[in-house]
Each structure stands twice: as C-alpha cells, then as structure tokens.
Amino acid sequence: MSAPLTGPAHGDGDPVRTWRRLADTSVLLDGFHALKHALRFGAEVPVAVAVDRAAALALADDLAPDVREPLTALLTEVPEETYRTLVPRPHPTAVAALAVRPARATHLAALAHTPRTAPVVVLDNPRNLGNAGAVIRLAAGFGATGVVTTGTLDPWHPTVVRGGAGLHFATAVERVEVADLPSGPLFALDPEGDDIRALKLPDDALLAFGSERSGLSAELRERADHLVSLPMRPQVSSYNLATSVAMTLYHWSMGAV
C-alpha cells in the first residue's frame, strides 16, 4: 500500500486526482526552481507535489524565503513512486507542479503594446527545445518584453519550460507567424550583417535569431530592417543560440553606439 499523502488538500481533496485531471491542459513546472519562479511572477498554480515536503520547504527557506508561504499552502507530499508517474523525467529536487498557461490574447497585447521599453526576442524556426528554454530564461533576466517563436516548435513544451526554469511567467512567450510579428524595427542576426558594435539597438527593436542549423528563413530575412553580426574570430563558425541572444541583449542593455 502507498504511503498516505501529507500536506494541504487541493481541488477535490486529492492532489493526485487533481493532477491527472489538469495535466493535459496545464503547464508542467518541473523542479523547485521552476515552481519558485512561477510563483514569483504571478502564475496560477492549482496543484504542487514533493517527495519530501519538509526538504522542499527548507530549500525555500535557504533560497527563496519570499515564496515560503505560498509553497507551504501548496505543497503536498506524495510517495516517490507516485511522483514518478506524474512527471516524464524526475527532477533532482523531486518537486513538481501544474500551472495555468497565461492567456494568449494577454501576451499578444503585451507584445503589441507601444511604446516598448525593452526588445522582443524572435526565434525564427528554432529546433532545439533546451536552447529555446535557455533563451527564455535569458530574456526574462534582461527584462525583455517577450520571446516569440516562428515555425513548429511549441515554446510552452515541458522541455522548454524546464530549460527556462519557470521564467516563462516573467515575460510574454508565444508562437506567431512571421507576418504577425509585433511592430518595430527588426534587427536580424546574420554573419554577413553590420558589426553590432557600431549600432545602437532601440528599446522597441525586434531581435531575430535564425535556427541552429539553417539560420534565418527567407521570409524573416525579407522582413528584416537591418542585418547585424556579432564579433567572432575568423574560422569560428558560430555561437550557441543562447550565447548569441545573451551577447545581443547585453549590447542593448549597455546602450552602446
């Protein structure tokens, strides 16, 4: 027989039943840090579980005392075998939660709102889920207005959310068509573009990055107002996507001319 559940009740009183009912329509928060960030940025979290509730709350005391109170109200302890049935890949912290995905209309309105005080990052047809998550984490850290993707990759895929450490809730993340990108001057990163060090990136810029394999799509290249390049030693073929985004956002944040 499984060990009894301990901690607060959720929904219908059984957090596991609540989880199974909501799993297909909710955002998986995989691990303590994803849950921590989601709570900090106002996510609606109907259910959260931990294999060791006391250890998770102790982690909050050490690393995130600001979310200790909501975690105390949310977390229910479940047996490890139960936890493993709820998540596709167990996290080292053995904490998981489900969150309500923000309304697409709300995000699109935030992306379209002008004047903007920070750029929008555009990932043009990205392929790697982990890279997309790392970019969202970077964009949230720099206070970017949002991250939009084109192509087929779902920016709210559980692996992307895991890579973003729950910081999807700190910025506007959506998938759009190139034709529907927010307004603003589009600076697209390309090895043949103008050296970024000679440019000032405006706050309302769209900063576009091509896919890891094929670079910018023809459609986005045609839409671009400026092609810009990052400094790179000869014979080095490329930077990692997240590194490119970090360098570009840092350049923007410094207001370089």
Protein backbone atom coordinates (compact mmCIF):
# COMPACT_ATOMS: atom_id res chain seq x y z
CA MET A 1 0.00 0.00 0.00
CA SER A 2 1.28 3.50 -0.82
CA ALA A 3 2.19 5.90 1.94
CA PRO A 4 -0.52 8.45 2.76
CA LEU A 5 -0.42 11.91 1.24
CA THR A 6 0.60 14.68 3.63
CA GLY A 7 0.11 18.41 3.35
CA PRO A 8 -2.74 20.66 2.22
CA ALA A 9 -5.66 19.40 0.20
CA HIS A 10 -6.21 20.72 -3.32
CA GLY A 11 -9.27 20.93 -5.55
CA ASP A 12 -11.34 17.84 -4.85
CA GLY A 13 -9.14 16.92 -1.88
CA ASP A 14 -6.88 14.50 -3.73
CA PRO A 15 -3.90 16.27 -5.38
CA VAL A 16 -3.03 13.24 -7.49
CA ARG A 17 -6.55 13.06 -8.91
CA THR A 18 -6.45 16.84 -9.45
CA TRP A 19 -3.12 16.49 -11.23
CA ARG A 20 -4.37 13.80 -13.59
CA ARG A 21 -7.46 15.85 -14.40
CA LEU A 22 -5.45 19.01 -15.23
CA ALA A 23 -2.24 17.60 -16.67
CA ASP A 24 -3.21 17.71 -20.35
CA THR A 25 -4.20 21.39 -20.28
CA SER A 26 -1.66 22.80 -17.83
CA VAL A 27 1.98 23.88 -17.83
CA LEU A 28 4.30 21.42 -16.09
CA LEU A 29 6.63 23.12 -13.62
CA ASP A 30 9.44 20.64 -13.30
CA GLY A 31 11.54 21.13 -10.17
CA PHE A 32 11.75 23.53 -7.23
CA HIS A 33 13.28 26.43 -9.19
CA ALA A 34 10.62 26.37 -11.90
CA LEU A 35 7.90 26.46 -9.25
CA LYS A 36 9.72 29.21 -7.35
CA HIS A 37 9.98 31.47 -10.39
CA ALA A 38 6.43 30.81 -11.49
CA LEU A 39 5.11 31.84 -8.10
CA ARG A 40 7.28 34.95 -8.02
CA PHE A 41 5.82 36.13 -11.30
CA GLY A 42 2.20 35.52 -10.53
CA ALA A 43 1.45 32.10 -12.03
CA GLU A 44 -1.78 30.41 -11.03
CA VAL A 45 -0.70 27.04 -9.58
CA PRO A 46 -3.60 24.73 -8.68
CA VAL A 47 -1.51 21.76 -7.51
CA ALA A 48 2.08 21.08 -6.40
CA VAL A 49 3.72 17.94 -5.03
CA ALA A 50 7.02 16.92 -3.48
CA VAL A 51 8.55 13.62 -2.46
CA ASP A 52 9.98 15.31 0.65
CA ARG A 53 7.83 18.30 1.58
CA ALA A 54 10.00 19.31 4.55
CA ALA A 55 13.12 19.32 2.39
CA ALA A 56 11.41 21.42 -0.27
CA LEU A 57 10.30 23.97 2.31
CA ALA A 58 13.80 24.01 3.80
CA LEU A 59 15.10 24.76 0.31
CA ALA A 60 12.68 27.66 0.15
CA ASP A 61 13.96 28.93 3.50
CA ASP A 62 17.51 28.91 2.14
CA LEU A 63 16.99 30.09 -1.44
CA ALA A 64 13.59 31.72 -1.77
CA PRO A 65 12.04 32.84 1.52
CA ASP A 66 9.74 35.14 -0.44
CA VAL A 67 7.79 32.12 -1.70
CA ARG A 68 7.89 30.09 1.52
CA GLU A 69 4.33 31.00 2.47
CA PRO A 70 2.64 30.10 -0.83
CA LEU A 71 4.70 26.90 -1.03
CA THR A 72 3.54 25.92 2.45
CA ALA A 73 -0.04 26.30 1.28
CA LEU A 74 0.52 24.44 -2.00
CA LEU A 75 2.85 21.52 -1.48
CA THR A 76 1.56 18.06 -0.80
CA GLU A 77 3.95 15.20 -0.08
CA VAL A 78 3.48 12.11 -2.22
CA PRO A 79 5.35 8.81 -2.34
CA GLU A 80 8.27 8.72 -4.76
CA GLU A 81 6.61 6.06 -6.90
CA THR A 82 3.56 8.30 -7.26
CA TYR A 83 5.70 11.33 -8.13
CA ARG A 84 7.45 9.34 -10.85
CA THR A 85 4.12 8.58 -12.51
CA LEU A 86 3.28 12.28 -12.72
CA VAL A 87 6.40 13.60 -14.49
CA PRO A 88 8.14 12.36 -17.64
CA ARG A 89 11.62 12.87 -16.20
CA PRO A 90 12.12 13.14 -12.42
CA HIS A 91 13.88 16.31 -11.29
CA PRO A 92 16.67 16.18 -8.69
CA THR A 93 14.59 18.28 -6.29
CA ALA A 94 11.63 15.87 -6.65
CA VAL A 95 9.22 18.81 -6.78
CA ALA A 96 6.62 19.36 -9.50
CA ALA A 97 3.55 21.48 -10.06
CA LEU A 98 0.97 22.39 -12.66
CA ALA A 99 0.28 25.98 -13.65
CA VAL A 100 -2.38 27.65 -15.76
CA ARG A 101 -0.95 28.87 -19.07
CA PRO A 102 -1.39 32.65 -19.47
CA ALA A 103 -3.99 33.70 -22.00
CA ARG A 104 -2.60 34.08 -25.50
CA ALA A 105 -4.58 37.27 -26.02
CA THR A 106 -2.95 38.84 -22.96
CA HIS A 107 0.53 38.02 -24.24
CA LEU A 108 -0.19 39.24 -27.76
CA ALA A 109 -1.48 42.52 -26.33
CA ALA A 110 1.69 42.91 -24.24
CA LEU A 111 3.86 42.24 -27.28
CA ALA A 112 1.92 44.70 -29.42
CA HIS A 113 1.79 47.48 -26.83
CA THR A 114 3.85 50.55 -27.68
CA PRO A 115 6.00 52.29 -26.77
CA ARG A 116 8.10 49.35 -25.60
CA THR A 117 10.84 49.80 -23.04
CA ALA A 118 12.67 46.57 -23.94
CA PRO A 119 13.11 44.50 -27.10
CA VAL A 120 11.22 41.41 -28.20
CA VAL A 121 13.40 38.36 -28.94
CA VAL A 122 12.38 36.44 -32.07
CA LEU A 123 13.50 32.84 -32.54
CA ASP A 124 13.00 32.06 -36.21
CA ASN A 125 12.03 28.42 -36.62
CA PRO A 126 14.05 27.11 -33.65
CA ARG A 127 14.68 23.35 -33.43
CA ASN A 128 16.16 22.62 -30.03
CA LEU A 129 13.78 22.67 -27.07
CA GLY A 130 16.51 23.18 -24.49
CA ASN A 131 18.01 26.10 -26.40
CA ALA A 132 14.60 27.78 -26.58
CA GLY A 133 14.22 27.40 -22.82
CA ALA A 134 17.64 28.89 -22.18
CA VAL A 135 16.76 31.89 -24.36
CA ILE A 136 13.52 32.49 -22.46
CA ARG A 137 15.45 32.39 -19.19
CA LEU A 138 17.92 34.95 -20.57
CA ALA A 139 15.19 37.20 -21.92
CA ALA A 140 13.40 37.19 -18.58
CA GLY A 141 16.64 38.05 -16.82
CA PHE A 142 17.22 41.05 -19.09
CA GLY A 143 13.61 42.19 -18.76
CA ALA A 144 12.81 41.70 -22.44
CA THR A 145 9.21 42.40 -23.44
CA GLY A 146 8.83 38.84 -24.67
CA VAL A 147 10.06 35.92 -26.72
CA VAL A 148 8.22 34.87 -29.85
CA THR A 149 8.95 31.84 -31.98
CA THR A 150 8.07 31.07 -35.58
CA GLY A 151 7.76 27.60 -37.02
CA THR A 152 6.51 24.42 -35.40
CA LEU A 153 8.29 24.35 -32.04
CA ASP A 154 5.91 24.90 -29.11
CA PRO A 155 7.59 27.43 -26.79
CA TRP A 156 5.47 26.07 -23.91
CA HIS A 157 6.59 22.47 -24.38
CA PRO A 158 7.53 20.92 -20.99
CA THR A 159 11.20 20.64 -22.02
CA VAL A 160 11.27 24.33 -22.95
CA VAL A 161 9.66 25.29 -19.64
CA ARG A 162 12.18 23.12 -17.80
CA GLY A 163 15.04 24.84 -19.64
CA GLY A 164 13.52 28.21 -18.82
CA ALA A 165 13.33 27.39 -15.09
CA GLY A 166 9.73 28.59 -14.91
CA LEU A 167 10.58 32.08 -16.20
CA HIS A 168 8.00 31.83 -18.96
CA PHE A 169 5.78 33.59 -16.44
CA ALA A 170 8.17 36.57 -16.25
CA THR A 171 7.80 37.58 -19.90
CA ALA A 172 5.41 37.14 -22.83
CA VAL A 173 6.09 33.87 -24.66
CA GLU A 174 4.11 32.99 -27.79
CA ARG A 175 4.40 31.38 -31.21
CA VAL A 176 3.43 33.57 -34.20
CA GLU A 177 3.77 33.71 -37.96
CA VAL A 178 6.44 35.98 -39.41
CA ALA A 179 3.70 38.10 -40.94
CA ASP A 180 2.21 38.62 -37.48
CA LEU A 181 5.35 39.74 -35.65
CA PRO A 182 4.92 42.78 -33.40
CA SER A 183 5.68 46.17 -34.87
CA GLY A 184 9.11 47.70 -34.54
CA PRO A 185 12.46 47.74 -36.35
CA LEU A 186 13.67 44.19 -36.91
CA PHE A 187 17.38 43.54 -36.38
CA ALA A 188 18.24 40.06 -37.63
CA LEU A 189 21.50 38.38 -36.67
CA ASP A 190 23.50 37.22 -39.69
CA PRO A 191 27.24 36.61 -40.21
CA GLU A 192 27.21 38.98 -43.20
CA GLY A 193 25.48 41.80 -41.35
CA ASP A 194 26.88 45.05 -39.99
CA ASP A 195 29.01 44.76 -36.86
CA ILE A 196 26.67 45.14 -33.88
CA ARG A 197 29.31 47.14 -32.02
CA ALA A 198 28.73 50.06 -34.39
CA LEU A 199 24.97 50.11 -33.77
CA LYS A 200 22.59 51.21 -31.08
CA LEU A 201 19.67 48.84 -30.61
CA PRO A 202 16.46 50.73 -29.79
CA ASP A 203 14.16 49.69 -26.99
CA ASP A 204 11.36 48.85 -29.42
CA ALA A 205 13.56 46.55 -31.52
CA LEU A 206 12.74 43.02 -32.56
CA LEU A 207 15.94 40.96 -32.22
CA ALA A 208 15.74 37.94 -34.52
CA PHE A 209 17.88 34.82 -34.44
CA GLY A 210 17.82 32.04 -37.02
CA SER A 211 17.53 28.34 -36.37
CA GLU A 212 20.50 26.40 -35.10
CA ARG A 213 21.02 24.63 -38.43
CA SER A 214 19.72 26.74 -41.28
CA GLY A 215 19.89 30.30 -39.98
CA LEU A 216 17.30 32.90 -40.90
CA SER A 217 14.37 31.90 -43.06
CA ALA A 218 13.89 33.71 -46.36
CA GLU A 219 10.62 35.14 -45.07
CA LEU A 220 12.17 36.67 -41.98
CA ARG A 221 15.24 37.90 -43.87
CA GLU A 222 12.92 39.75 -46.24
CA ARG A 223 11.05 41.29 -43.29
CA ALA A 224 14.28 42.45 -41.58
CA ASP A 225 15.16 46.14 -41.47
CA HIS A 226 18.80 45.53 -40.51
CA LEU A 227 21.17 42.57 -40.69
CA VAL A 228 23.70 42.64 -37.86
CA SER A 229 26.57 40.40 -36.84
CA LEU A 230 28.33 39.56 -33.61
CA PRO A 231 32.10 39.84 -33.30
CA MET A 232 33.67 36.46 -33.96
CA ARG A 233 37.19 35.21 -34.50
CA PRO A 234 37.89 34.03 -38.06
CA GLN A 235 37.31 30.32 -38.67
CA VAL A 236 34.90 30.04 -35.73
CA SER A 237 31.66 29.04 -37.40
CA SER A 238 29.01 30.13 -34.91
CA TYR A 239 27.93 30.74 -31.33
CA ASN A 240 25.39 28.75 -29.37
CA LEU A 241 21.93 30.29 -29.77
CA ALA A 242 21.62 31.30 -26.12
CA THR A 243 25.10 32.85 -26.23
CA SER A 244 24.14 34.91 -29.28
CA VAL A 245 20.99 36.14 -27.57
CA ALA A 246 22.90 36.98 -24.39
CA MET A 247 25.53 38.98 -26.29
CA THR A 248 22.87 40.89 -28.21
CA LEU A 249 20.75 41.68 -25.16
CA TYR A 250 23.84 42.76 -23.26
CA HIS A 251 24.76 45.12 -26.09
CA TRP A 252 21.22 46.54 -25.99
CA SER A 253 21.31 46.92 -22.21
CA MET A 254 24.54 48.93 -22.38
CA GLY A 255 23.02 51.37 -24.85
CA ALA A 256 26.17 51.12 -26.95
CA VAL A 257 26.66 53.29 -30.03
